[in-house]
N, C-alpha and C. Protein backbone atom coordinates (compact mmCIF):
# COMPACT_ATOMS: atom_id res chain seq x y z
N MET A 1 109.51 117.68 77.75
CA MET A 1 108.90 116.86 77.09
C MET A 1 107.44 117.08 76.99
N SER A 2 106.58 117.45 75.77
CA SER A 2 105.42 117.33 75.73
C SER A 2 104.65 115.94 76.37
N ALA A 3 103.51 116.43 76.71
CA ALA A 3 102.74 115.17 77.20
C ALA A 3 102.17 114.30 76.13
N GLY A 4 101.98 113.06 76.35
CA GLY A 4 101.65 112.22 74.94
C GLY A 4 102.48 111.29 74.43
N ILE A 5 102.33 110.79 73.81
CA ILE A 5 103.28 109.98 73.03
C ILE A 5 104.08 110.61 72.08
N PRO A 6 105.33 110.45 71.96
CA PRO A 6 106.74 110.96 71.49
C PRO A 6 106.48 110.38 69.57
N LEU A 7 105.29 110.72 69.42
CA LEU A 7 105.46 109.61 67.84
C LEU A 7 104.29 111.28 66.90
N ARG A 8 104.99 111.03 65.71
CA ARG A 8 104.23 111.90 64.89
C ARG A 8 102.47 111.14 64.62
N LEU A 9 101.56 111.60 64.08
CA LEU A 9 100.63 111.11 63.97
C LEU A 9 100.16 109.93 63.16
N GLU A 10 101.07 109.93 61.92
CA GLU A 10 101.07 109.17 60.77
C GLU A 10 101.79 107.91 61.48
N ASP A 11 103.04 107.63 62.06
CA ASP A 11 103.40 106.75 63.11
C ASP A 11 102.61 106.30 64.00
N TYR A 12 102.02 107.02 64.63
CA TYR A 12 100.91 106.34 65.43
C TYR A 12 99.75 105.84 64.98
N LEU A 13 99.16 106.18 64.11
CA LEU A 13 98.19 105.18 63.27
C LEU A 13 98.63 104.42 62.75
N ALA A 14 99.77 104.33 62.07
CA ALA A 14 100.62 103.00 61.62
C ALA A 14 100.50 101.92 62.96
N LEU A 15 101.26 102.40 63.97
CA LEU A 15 101.65 101.56 65.17
C LEU A 15 100.26 100.70 65.63
N VAL A 16 99.34 101.61 65.65
CA VAL A 16 97.81 100.84 65.99
C VAL A 16 97.22 100.31 65.16
N ASP A 17 97.45 100.48 63.69
CA ASP A 17 97.14 99.66 62.76
C ASP A 17 97.79 98.22 63.14
N TRP A 18 98.99 98.10 62.86
CA TRP A 18 99.68 97.13 63.12
C TRP A 18 99.96 96.46 64.68
N THR A 19 99.29 97.03 65.76
CA THR A 19 99.08 96.28 67.20
C THR A 19 97.70 95.40 66.44
N GLY A 20 96.68 96.21 65.96
CA GLY A 20 95.82 95.35 65.79
C GLY A 20 95.42 94.41 65.20
N ARG A 21 96.24 94.03 64.24
CA ARG A 21 96.62 93.14 63.41
C ARG A 21 97.35 91.95 64.07
N THR A 22 97.66 92.38 64.95
CA THR A 22 98.87 90.98 65.87
C THR A 22 98.17 90.06 66.82
N LEU A 23 97.02 91.48 67.48
CA LEU A 23 96.14 90.61 68.18
C LEU A 23 95.60 89.36 67.63
N ARG A 24 95.19 88.89 68.78
CA ARG A 24 94.48 87.03 68.07
C ARG A 24 92.71 87.65 68.07
N GLU A 25 92.52 87.14 66.80
CA GLU A 25 91.16 87.49 66.28
C GLU A 25 90.20 87.23 67.08
N ASP A 26 89.95 86.41 68.16
CA ASP A 26 89.03 86.46 69.31
C ASP A 26 88.93 86.92 70.22
N LYS A 27 89.98 88.10 70.36
CA LYS A 27 89.93 89.38 71.20
C LYS A 27 89.59 90.72 70.53
N ARG A 28 88.96 91.17 71.33
CA ARG A 28 88.53 92.81 71.22
C ARG A 28 89.51 93.66 70.92
N GLY A 29 89.44 94.37 69.42
CA GLY A 29 90.46 95.25 69.13
C GLY A 29 91.66 94.77 68.19
N ALA A 30 91.06 93.32 67.78
CA ALA A 30 91.97 92.77 66.60
C ALA A 30 91.29 93.36 65.40
N ILE A 31 92.28 93.66 64.44
CA ILE A 31 91.82 93.97 63.04
C ILE A 31 92.49 92.87 62.21
N SER A 32 91.26 92.43 61.48
CA SER A 32 91.43 91.48 60.54
C SER A 32 92.76 91.64 59.36
N ASP A 33 93.30 90.43 59.09
CA ASP A 33 93.97 90.64 58.34
C ASP A 33 93.44 90.79 56.67
N ARG A 34 92.13 90.83 56.48
CA ARG A 34 91.23 90.89 55.24
C ARG A 34 90.79 92.29 55.04
N LEU A 35 90.90 93.21 56.43
CA LEU A 35 90.62 94.54 56.26
C LEU A 35 91.90 95.49 55.32
N PRO A 36 91.39 96.25 54.53
CA PRO A 36 92.38 96.94 53.64
C PRO A 36 93.04 98.32 55.11
N PRO A 37 94.34 98.55 54.67
CA PRO A 37 95.00 99.37 55.46
C PRO A 37 93.99 100.73 55.76
N ILE A 38 94.68 101.58 57.27
CA ILE A 38 94.28 102.37 57.74
C ILE A 38 93.67 103.57 57.13
N LEU A 39 94.21 104.24 56.15
CA LEU A 39 93.41 105.26 55.37
C LEU A 39 92.43 104.88 54.41
N GLU A 40 92.43 103.63 53.99
CA GLU A 40 91.43 103.43 53.13
C GLU A 40 90.21 103.30 53.72
N ARG A 41 90.18 102.82 54.98
CA ARG A 41 89.06 102.22 56.12
C ARG A 41 88.53 103.63 56.51
N LEU A 42 89.40 104.79 56.70
CA LEU A 42 89.26 106.04 57.07
C LEU A 42 89.04 106.99 56.06
N GLN A 43 88.84 106.51 54.80
CA GLN A 43 88.32 107.04 53.55
C GLN A 43 89.38 108.76 53.52
N ILE A 44 90.89 107.99 53.67
CA ILE A 44 91.66 109.80 53.86
C ILE A 44 92.39 109.04 52.55
N ASP A 45 92.42 110.16 51.61
CA ASP A 45 93.15 109.85 50.21
C ASP A 45 94.87 110.17 50.84
N PRO A 46 95.95 109.19 50.46
CA PRO A 46 96.85 109.22 50.96
C PRO A 46 98.16 110.54 50.42
N ARG A 47 97.06 111.27 49.77
CA ARG A 47 98.27 112.69 49.08
C ARG A 47 97.88 113.38 50.23
N ASN A 48 96.48 113.39 50.75
CA ASN A 48 95.94 114.49 51.62
C ASN A 48 96.63 114.17 53.33
N TRP A 49 96.53 112.57 53.42
CA TRP A 49 97.19 112.30 54.67
C TRP A 49 98.90 112.66 54.59
N LEU A 50 99.50 112.95 53.85
CA LEU A 50 101.11 113.34 53.94
C LEU A 50 100.90 114.82 54.30
N TYR A 51 100.03 115.36 53.42
CA TYR A 51 99.99 116.94 53.79
C TYR A 51 99.65 117.10 55.26
N LEU A 52 98.45 116.36 55.66
CA LEU A 52 97.90 116.57 57.04
C LEU A 52 98.79 116.32 58.18
N SER A 53 100.09 114.99 58.07
CA SER A 53 100.77 114.81 58.90
C SER A 53 101.67 115.75 59.33
N ARG A 54 102.13 116.67 58.49
CA ARG A 54 102.91 117.64 58.24
C ARG A 54 102.48 118.82 58.86
N ASN A 55 101.12 118.65 58.85
CA ASN A 55 100.70 120.55 58.82
C ASN A 55 99.05 120.46 59.92
N PHE A 56 99.20 119.05 60.46
CA PHE A 56 97.73 118.84 61.12
C PHE A 56 97.58 119.72 62.31
N GLU A 57 98.21 120.60 63.53
CA GLU A 57 98.24 121.67 64.19
C GLU A 57 98.29 122.33 63.81
N SER A 58 98.47 122.99 62.77
CA SER A 58 98.64 124.72 62.33
C SER A 58 97.04 124.36 61.45
N ARG A 59 96.31 123.12 61.02
CA ARG A 59 95.35 123.33 60.18
C ARG A 59 94.10 123.44 61.05
N PHE A 60 94.07 122.66 61.88
CA PHE A 60 93.07 122.35 62.96
C PHE A 60 93.22 123.14 64.48
N ARG A 61 92.21 123.74 65.19
CA ARG A 61 92.38 124.36 66.45
C ARG A 61 91.18 123.70 67.70
N SER A 62 90.41 122.98 66.65
CA SER A 62 89.09 122.47 67.83
C SER A 62 88.71 120.72 67.27
N LEU A 63 87.80 120.74 66.55
CA LEU A 63 87.24 119.59 66.40
C LEU A 63 87.69 118.91 64.96
N VAL A 64 87.95 118.00 64.76
CA VAL A 64 88.47 117.12 63.49
C VAL A 64 87.50 116.32 63.35
N GLY A 65 87.41 115.85 61.72
CA GLY A 65 86.57 114.67 61.11
C GLY A 65 85.53 115.17 59.90
N SER A 66 84.90 114.63 59.50
CA SER A 66 83.88 114.61 58.46
C SER A 66 83.22 115.95 58.67
N ASP A 67 82.40 116.65 58.09
CA ASP A 67 81.87 117.59 58.05
C ASP A 67 80.63 117.24 58.83
N GLN A 68 79.96 116.27 58.64
CA GLN A 68 78.65 115.97 59.36
C GLN A 68 79.47 115.24 60.50
N SER A 69 80.12 114.75 61.13
CA SER A 69 80.36 114.64 62.56
C SER A 69 80.66 115.89 63.25
N ILE A 70 81.47 116.80 62.48
CA ILE A 70 81.46 118.14 63.14
C ILE A 70 80.14 118.88 63.53
N ARG A 71 79.19 118.77 62.47
CA ARG A 71 78.12 119.21 62.48
C ARG A 71 77.49 119.02 63.59
N THR A 72 77.59 117.86 64.07
CA THR A 72 76.93 116.74 65.11
C THR A 72 77.42 117.19 66.37
N ALA A 73 78.80 117.07 66.33
CA ALA A 73 79.30 117.51 67.59
C ALA A 73 79.18 119.08 68.05
N CYS A 74 79.08 119.83 67.26
CA CYS A 74 78.73 121.08 67.54
C CYS A 74 77.44 121.49 68.42
N GLU A 75 76.43 120.66 67.48
CA GLU A 75 75.25 120.64 67.93
C GLU A 75 74.92 120.21 69.32
N GLN A 76 75.84 118.79 69.78
CA GLN A 76 75.41 118.72 71.47
C GLN A 76 76.81 119.27 71.87
N LEU A 77 77.54 120.02 71.63
CA LEU A 77 78.22 121.12 72.56
C LEU A 77 77.54 122.46 72.58
N GLY A 78 76.29 122.71 71.72
CA GLY A 78 76.14 123.91 71.71
C GLY A 78 77.01 125.24 71.06
N LYS A 79 77.80 124.72 70.59
CA LYS A 79 78.30 125.69 69.35
C LYS A 79 77.68 125.86 67.97
N HIS A 80 78.13 126.92 67.55
CA HIS A 80 77.52 127.83 66.49
C HIS A 80 78.47 127.12 65.29
N TRP A 81 79.72 126.92 65.47
CA TRP A 81 80.91 126.80 64.67
C TRP A 81 82.05 126.16 64.92
N ALA A 82 82.87 125.34 64.60
CA ALA A 82 84.07 125.19 64.98
C ALA A 82 85.09 125.58 63.70
N GLN A 83 86.24 126.01 64.23
CA GLN A 83 87.43 126.59 63.22
C GLN A 83 87.80 125.21 62.59
N GLY A 84 88.13 125.32 61.09
CA GLY A 84 88.73 124.13 60.37
C GLY A 84 87.76 123.54 59.86
N VAL A 85 86.69 123.92 59.86
CA VAL A 85 85.34 122.83 59.03
C VAL A 85 85.30 122.83 57.76
N ARG A 86 86.08 123.90 57.23
CA ARG A 86 86.56 123.84 55.70
C ARG A 86 87.71 122.91 55.40
N GLU A 87 88.25 122.86 56.09
CA GLU A 87 89.52 122.05 56.09
C GLU A 87 89.47 120.84 56.36
N CYS A 88 88.21 120.45 57.05
CA CYS A 88 88.15 119.09 57.40
C CYS A 88 87.07 118.38 55.99
N GLU A 89 85.98 119.30 55.69
CA GLU A 89 85.56 118.78 54.34
C GLU A 89 86.44 118.64 52.98
N ARG A 90 87.65 119.54 53.22
CA ARG A 90 88.43 119.12 51.99
C ARG A 90 89.35 117.88 52.12
N PHE A 91 89.70 117.48 53.60
CA PHE A 91 90.55 116.40 53.38
C PHE A 91 90.00 115.08 54.32
N PHE A 92 88.86 115.46 54.71
CA PHE A 92 87.94 114.27 55.34
C PHE A 92 86.67 113.75 54.68
N SER A 93 86.31 114.52 53.55
CA SER A 93 85.30 113.84 52.85
C SER A 93 85.67 113.33 51.75
N PRO A 94 84.65 111.74 52.05
CA PRO A 94 85.27 111.06 50.65
C PRO A 94 85.08 111.71 49.15
N SER A 95 86.50 110.97 48.19
CA SER A 95 86.61 111.60 47.11
C SER A 95 85.53 110.82 46.51
N PRO A 96 85.12 111.89 45.04
CA PRO A 96 83.83 111.39 44.43
C PRO A 96 84.24 109.82 43.58
N THR A 97 85.67 109.39 43.73
CA THR A 97 85.54 108.23 42.99
C THR A 97 85.54 107.03 43.86
N SER A 98 85.54 107.13 45.38
CA SER A 98 85.35 106.31 46.74
C SER A 98 84.02 105.70 46.78
């Protein structure tokens, strides 16, 4: 068995979102019922999410996130580039309608 939780990333994020919504509001980590679903909060297009949930490990080899967060991390790590930055720009940058 591989290390880690034996769940697909999509199922794991849904579980985290659900768990945070069931915690008491006065506790750290609680997610308010008034907040939108996790994909909206992360500004990830649901169509992109479906693709990513099936192809995540083949698309990304190191850092994952918005292009700005990857650039910042590269600076902090002393890296000149990270494989998959263009994919991150494609999938994690907010759409023009957001």
